[in-house]
C-alpha atoms as a PDB file:
ATOM      1  CA  MET A   1      24.568  36.153  -8.089  1.00  0.00           C
ATOM      2  CA  HIS A   2      21.503  36.723 -10.301  1.00  0.00           C
ATOM      3  CA  GLY A   3      23.078  34.388 -12.850  1.00  0.00           C
ATOM      4  CA  ALA A   4      23.399  31.562 -10.199  1.00  0.00           C
ATOM      5  CA  ILE A   5      19.796  31.989  -9.346  1.00  0.00           C
ATOM      6  CA  ASP A   6      18.825  31.822 -13.048  1.00  0.00           C
ATOM      7  CA  ALA A   7      20.952  28.724 -13.289  1.00  0.00           C
ATOM      8  CA  PHE A   8      19.397  27.079 -10.281  1.00  0.00           C
ATOM      9  CA  GLN A   9      15.836  27.854 -11.521  1.00  0.00           C
ATOM     10  CA  ASN A  10      16.616  26.510 -14.894  1.00  0.00           C
ATOM     11  CA  ASP A  11      18.042  23.274 -13.207  1.00  0.00           C
ATOM     12  CA  GLU A  12      14.781  22.975 -11.230  1.00  0.00           C
ATOM     13  CA  ASN A  13      12.676  23.435 -14.419  1.00  0.00           C
ATOM     14  CA  ILE A  14      14.518  20.833 -16.514  1.00  0.00           C
ATOM     15  CA  ALA A  15      14.338  18.540 -13.582  1.00  0.00           C
ATOM     16  CA  THR A  16      10.616  19.052 -13.341  1.00  0.00           C
ATOM     17  CA  ALA A  17      10.210  18.503 -17.126  1.00  0.00           C
ATOM     18  CA  CYS A  18      12.300  15.346 -17.206  1.00  0.00           C
ATOM     19  CA  LYS A  19      10.287  13.947 -14.268  1.00  0.00           C
ATOM     20  CA  ARG A  20       7.099  14.693 -16.037  1.00  0.00           C
ATOM     21  CA  LEU A  21       8.350  13.044 -19.282  1.00  0.00           C
ATOM     22  CA  LEU A  22       9.226   9.924 -17.262  1.00  0.00           C
ATOM     23  CA  GLN A  23       5.749  10.031 -15.754  1.00  0.00           C
ATOM     24  CA  GLN A  24       4.103  10.244 -19.210  1.00  0.00           C
ATOM     25  CA  GLN A  25       6.242   8.236 -21.667  1.00  0.00           C
ATOM     26  CA  SER A  26       8.663   5.267 -21.851  1.00  0.00           C
ATOM     27  CA  PHE A  27      12.113   5.917 -22.886  1.00  0.00           C
ATOM     28  CA  SER A  28      14.871   3.277 -23.448  1.00  0.00           C
ATOM     29  CA  THR A  29      17.833   5.614 -24.089  1.00  0.00           C
ATOM     30  CA  GLN A  30      19.100   8.642 -22.530  1.00  0.00           C
ATOM     31  CA  ASP A  31      19.274  10.331 -26.164  1.00  0.00           C
ATOM     32  CA  GLU A  32      15.523   9.868 -26.460  1.00  0.00           C
ATOM     33  CA  ILE A  33      15.132  11.839 -23.208  1.00  0.00           C
ATOM     34  CA  ARG A  34      17.563  14.348 -24.493  1.00  0.00           C
ATOM     35  CA  GLN A  35      15.982  14.805 -27.661  1.00  0.00           C
ATOM     36  CA  GLN A  36      12.484  15.348 -26.002  1.00  0.00           C
ATOM     37  CA  LEU A  37      13.850  18.002 -23.675  1.00  0.00           C
ATOM     38  CA  ILE A  38      15.494  19.788 -26.552  1.00  0.00           C
ATOM     39  CA  ALA A  39      12.143  19.617 -28.323  1.00  0.00           C
ATOM     40  CA  MET A  40      10.568  21.216 -25.216  1.00  0.00           C
ATOM     41  CA  GLY A  41      12.828  24.286 -25.424  1.00  0.00           C
ATOM     42  CA  PHE A  42      15.643  23.341 -23.152  1.00  0.00           C
ATOM     43  CA  ASP A  43      18.847  24.496 -25.192  1.00  0.00           C
ATOM     44  CA  ASP A  44      22.228  22.732 -24.937  1.00  0.00           C
ATOM     45  CA  VAL A  45      21.072  19.573 -23.162  1.00  0.00           C
ATOM     46  CA  SER A  46      23.940  17.060 -23.351  1.00  0.00           C
ATOM     47  CA  GLN A  47      23.885  13.376 -22.533  1.00  0.00           C
ATOM     48  CA  SER A  48      25.883  13.934 -19.317  1.00  0.00           C
ATOM     49  CA  THR A  49      23.158  16.541 -18.303  1.00  0.00           C
ATOM     50  CA  VAL A  50      20.531  13.833 -18.934  1.00  0.00           C
ATOM     51  CA  SER A  51      22.651  11.294 -16.879  1.00  0.00           C
ATOM     52  CA  ARG A  52      22.905  13.750 -13.927  1.00  0.00           C
ATOM     53  CA  LEU A  53      19.279  14.435 -13.897  1.00  0.00           C
ATOM     54  CA  LEU A  54      18.294  10.776 -14.082  1.00  0.00           C
ATOM     55  CA  SER A  55      20.576  10.171 -11.143  1.00  0.00           C
ATOM     56  CA  ARG A  56      19.316  13.055  -9.225  1.00  0.00           C
ATOM     57  CA  LEU A  57      15.678  11.962  -9.797  1.00  0.00           C
ATOM     58  CA  GLY A  58      16.322   8.452  -8.589  1.00  0.00           C
ATOM     59  CA  VAL A  59      15.716   6.866 -12.057  1.00  0.00           C
ATOM     60  CA  ALA A  60      16.291   3.314 -12.695  1.00  0.00           C
ATOM     61  CA  LYS A  61      16.223   1.200 -15.898  1.00  0.00           C
ATOM     62  CA  VAL A  62      13.790  -1.673 -15.636  1.00  0.00           C
ATOM     63  CA  PRO A  63      11.911  -3.925 -17.946  1.00  0.00           C
ATOM     64  CA  ASN A  64       8.502  -2.937 -19.069  1.00  0.00           C
ATOM     65  CA  ALA A  65       5.554  -5.268 -19.858  1.00  0.00           C
ATOM     66  CA  TYR A  66       7.388  -6.288 -23.105  1.00  0.00           C
ATOM     67  CA  GLY A  67      10.689  -6.993 -21.645  1.00  0.00           C
ATOM     68  CA  LYS A  68      12.249  -3.898 -23.021  1.00  0.00           C
ATOM     69  CA  LYS A  69      14.315  -1.873 -20.423  1.00  0.00           C
ATOM     70  CA  VAL A  70      13.027   1.699 -19.854  1.00  0.00           C
ATOM     71  CA  TYR A  71      13.724   4.403 -17.434  1.00  0.00           C
ATOM     72  CA  CYS A  72      11.563   4.442 -14.395  1.00  0.00           C
ATOM     73  CA  LEU A  73      11.141   6.941 -11.514  1.00  0.00           C
ATOM     74  CA  THR A  74      11.921   5.158  -8.188  1.00  0.00           C
ATOM     75  CA  VAL A  75      12.496   8.012  -5.730  1.00  0.00           C
ATOM     76  CA  GLU A  76      11.613   7.105  -2.125  1.00  0.00           C
ATOM     77  CA  ASN A  77       9.958  10.474  -1.306  1.00  0.00           C
ATOM     78  CA  GLU A  78       7.546  10.235  -4.161  1.00  0.00           C
ATOM     79  CA  PRO A  79       4.215   8.497  -3.816  1.00  0.00           C
ATOM     80  CA  VAL A  80       4.268   5.193  -5.578  1.00  0.00           C
ATOM     81  CA  GLN A  81       2.123   5.027  -8.542  1.00  0.00           C
ATOM     82  CA  VAL A  82       1.867   1.393  -9.526  1.00  0.00           C
ATOM     83  CA  GLY A  83       0.818   1.075 -13.211  1.00  0.00           C
ATOM     84  CA  SER A  84      -0.107  -1.847 -15.272  1.00  0.00           C
ATOM     85  CA  SER A  85       3.380  -2.282 -16.304  1.00  0.00           C
ATOM     86  CA  ILE A  86       4.551  -3.297 -12.786  1.00  0.00           C
ATOM     87  CA  SER A  87       1.542  -5.744 -12.269  1.00  0.00           C
ATOM     88  CA  SER A  88       2.222  -7.208 -15.636  1.00  0.00           C
ATOM     89  CA  GLN A  89       5.783  -8.224 -14.442  1.00  0.00           C
ATOM     90  CA  ILE A  90       4.424 -10.393 -11.666  1.00  0.00           C
ATOM     91  CA  GLU A  91       3.491 -14.065 -12.447  1.00  0.00           C
ATOM     92  CA  PHE A  92       1.984 -14.860  -9.125  1.00  0.00           C
ATOM     93  CA  ILE A  93       1.870 -13.995  -5.262  1.00  0.00           C
ATOM     94  CA  THR A  94       1.422 -16.848  -2.711  1.00  0.00           C
ATOM     95  CA  HIS A  95       2.666 -17.797   0.794  1.00  0.00           C
ATOM     96  CA  ASN A  96       3.512 -20.977   2.685  1.00  0.00           C
ATOM     97  CA  GLN A  97       2.409 -19.726   6.134  1.00  0.00           C
ATOM     98  CA  LEU A  98       5.933 -18.433   6.803  1.00  0.00           C
ATOM     99  CA  VAL A  99       6.771 -15.927   3.908  1.00  0.00           C
ATOM    100  CA  VAL A 100       4.960 -14.248   1.099  1.00  0.00           C
ATOM    101  CA  VAL A 101       6.485 -15.076  -2.253  1.00  0.00           C
ATOM    102  CA  VAL A 102       6.163 -12.760  -5.256  1.00  0.00           C
ATOM    103  CA  LYS A 103       7.312 -14.508  -8.483  1.00  0.00           C
ATOM    104  CA  THR A 104       8.301 -11.897 -11.131  1.00  0.00           C
ATOM    105  CA  HIS A 105       9.538 -12.031 -14.815  1.00  0.00           C
ATOM    106  CA  PRO A 106      13.303 -12.322 -14.886  1.00  0.00           C
ATOM    107  CA  GLY A 107      15.068  -9.264 -13.769  1.00  0.00           C
ATOM    108  CA  GLY A 108      11.852  -7.730 -12.048  1.00  0.00           C
ATOM    109  CA  ALA A 109      12.319  -8.701  -8.474  1.00  0.00           C
ATOM    110  CA  GLN A 110      14.560  -5.842  -7.334  1.00  0.00           C
ATOM    111  CA  LEU A 111      12.067  -3.238  -8.373  1.00  0.00           C
ATOM    112  CA  VAL A 112       9.075  -5.118  -6.984  1.00  0.00           C
ATOM    113  CA  ALA A 113      11.014  -5.518  -3.642  1.00  0.00           C
ATOM    114  CA  ARG A 114      11.783  -1.807  -3.713  1.00  0.00           C
ATOM    115  CA  LEU A 115       8.160  -0.839  -4.334  1.00  0.00           C
ATOM    116  CA  ILE A 116       7.139  -2.985  -1.329  1.00  0.00           C
ATOM    117  CA  ASP A 117       9.687  -1.440   0.917  1.00  0.00           C
ATOM    118  CA  ILE A 118       9.288   2.233  -0.019  1.00  0.00           C
ATOM    119  CA  GLN A 119       6.675   2.788   2.519  1.00  0.00           C
ATOM    120  CA  PRO A 120       6.951   0.716   5.867  1.00  0.00           C
ATOM    121  CA  HIS A 121       3.765  -1.168   6.725  1.00  0.00           C
ATOM    122  CA  ALA A 122       2.818  -2.640  10.123  1.00  0.00           C
ATOM    123  CA  GLU A 123       2.330  -6.074   8.442  1.00  0.00           C
ATOM    124  CA  ILE A 124       5.782  -6.232   6.698  1.00  0.00           C
ATOM    125  CA  LEU A 125       9.100  -6.901   8.368  1.00  0.00           C
ATOM    126  CA  GLY A 126      11.098  -6.759   5.308  1.00  0.00           C
ATOM    127  CA  THR A 127      11.834  -8.035   1.788  1.00  0.00           C
ATOM    128  CA  VAL A 128      14.522  -9.818  -0.023  1.00  0.00           C
ATOM    129  CA  GLY A 129      14.775  -9.529  -3.843  1.00  0.00           C
ATOM    130  CA  GLY A 130      16.532 -11.837  -6.074  1.00  0.00           C
ATOM    131  CA  ASN A 131      16.402 -11.875 -10.006  1.00  0.00           C
ATOM    132  CA  ASP A 132      12.872 -13.235 -10.321  1.00  0.00           C
ATOM    133  CA  THR A 133      11.579 -13.880  -6.726  1.00  0.00           C
ATOM    134  CA  VAL A 134      10.867 -11.610  -3.876  1.00  0.00           C
ATOM    135  CA  MET A 135      10.494 -13.003  -0.427  1.00  0.00           C
ATOM    136  CA  VAL A 136       8.341 -10.820   1.947  1.00  0.00           C
ATOM    137  CA  ALA A 137       8.761 -11.641   5.752  1.00  0.00           C
ATOM    138  CA  PRO A 138       5.573 -10.748   7.758  1.00  0.00           C
ATOM    139  CA  LYS A 139       5.898  -9.120  11.138  1.00  0.00           C
ATOM    140  CA  ASP A 140       3.741 -11.983  12.475  1.00  0.00           C
ATOM    141  CA  ILE A 141       3.319 -15.306  10.663  1.00  0.00           C
ATOM    142  CA  GLY A 142      -0.060 -15.599  12.302  1.00  0.00           C
ATOM    143  CA  ARG A 143      -1.208 -12.636  10.091  1.00  0.00           C
ATOM    144  CA  ILE A 144       0.435 -13.934   6.898  1.00  0.00           C
ATOM    145  CA  GLU A 145      -2.944 -13.593   4.948  1.00  0.00           C
ATOM    146  CA  GLU A 146      -3.030  -9.884   5.944  1.00  0.00           C
ATOM    147  CA  CYS A 147       0.584  -9.394   4.853  1.00  0.00           C
ATOM    148  CA  GLU A 148      -0.144 -11.035   1.461  1.00  0.00           C
ATOM    149  CA  ARG A 149      -3.150  -8.677   0.953  1.00  0.00           C
ATOM    150  CA  VAL A 150      -0.873  -5.726   1.643  1.00  0.00           C
ATOM    151  CA  VAL A 151       1.855  -6.938  -0.866  1.00  0.00           C
ATOM    152  CA  LYS A 152      -0.930  -7.426  -3.447  1.00  0.00           C
ATOM    153  CA  ALA A 153      -2.377  -3.930  -2.748  1.00  0.00           C
ATOM    154  CA  ARG A 154       1.078  -2.390  -3.064  1.00  0.00           C
ATOM    155  CA  LEU A 155       1.668  -3.999  -6.434  1.00  0.00           C
ATOM    156  CA  GLY A 156      -1.850  -3.367  -8.008  1.00  0.00           C
ATOM    157  CA  ILE A 157      -2.921  -7.034  -7.940  1.00  0.00           C
ATOM    158  CA  PRO A 158      -6.405  -7.688  -7.151  1.00  0.00           C
ATOM    159  CA  ALA A 159      -6.799  -9.501  -3.667  1.00  0.00           C
END
């Protein structure tokens, strides 16, 4: 039983270390993450271990500000920390009195829609994300300006 407890604690330690790495640095391959974990003192980290960790942590591969795909934490129970890399993916945000439209660089809409949806807000009914466009339905079209302000705030865009 003691060995099982040690294994569980090691799993938690490596998960915490992996999460911290992803918050601090950009990685474009699982091998880069694996090498960094080994450098931190975790022995025998295989590519499949890294793959399981990324899945468990809810990590997605998304384009960064330069269009290079990197691993990014997107777990729903984590507070969303929108950085400049997300706001740099957005071309513009506007509305047509019916829906708020967020135009992103190609491939960015799914992550942006997810960031908007992670924490429900009274002004937002829901989102639909395509490849480079997110449509945000307000709960009340009479309050479309407020909905647009909430969307901008969620994405780190000045109102």
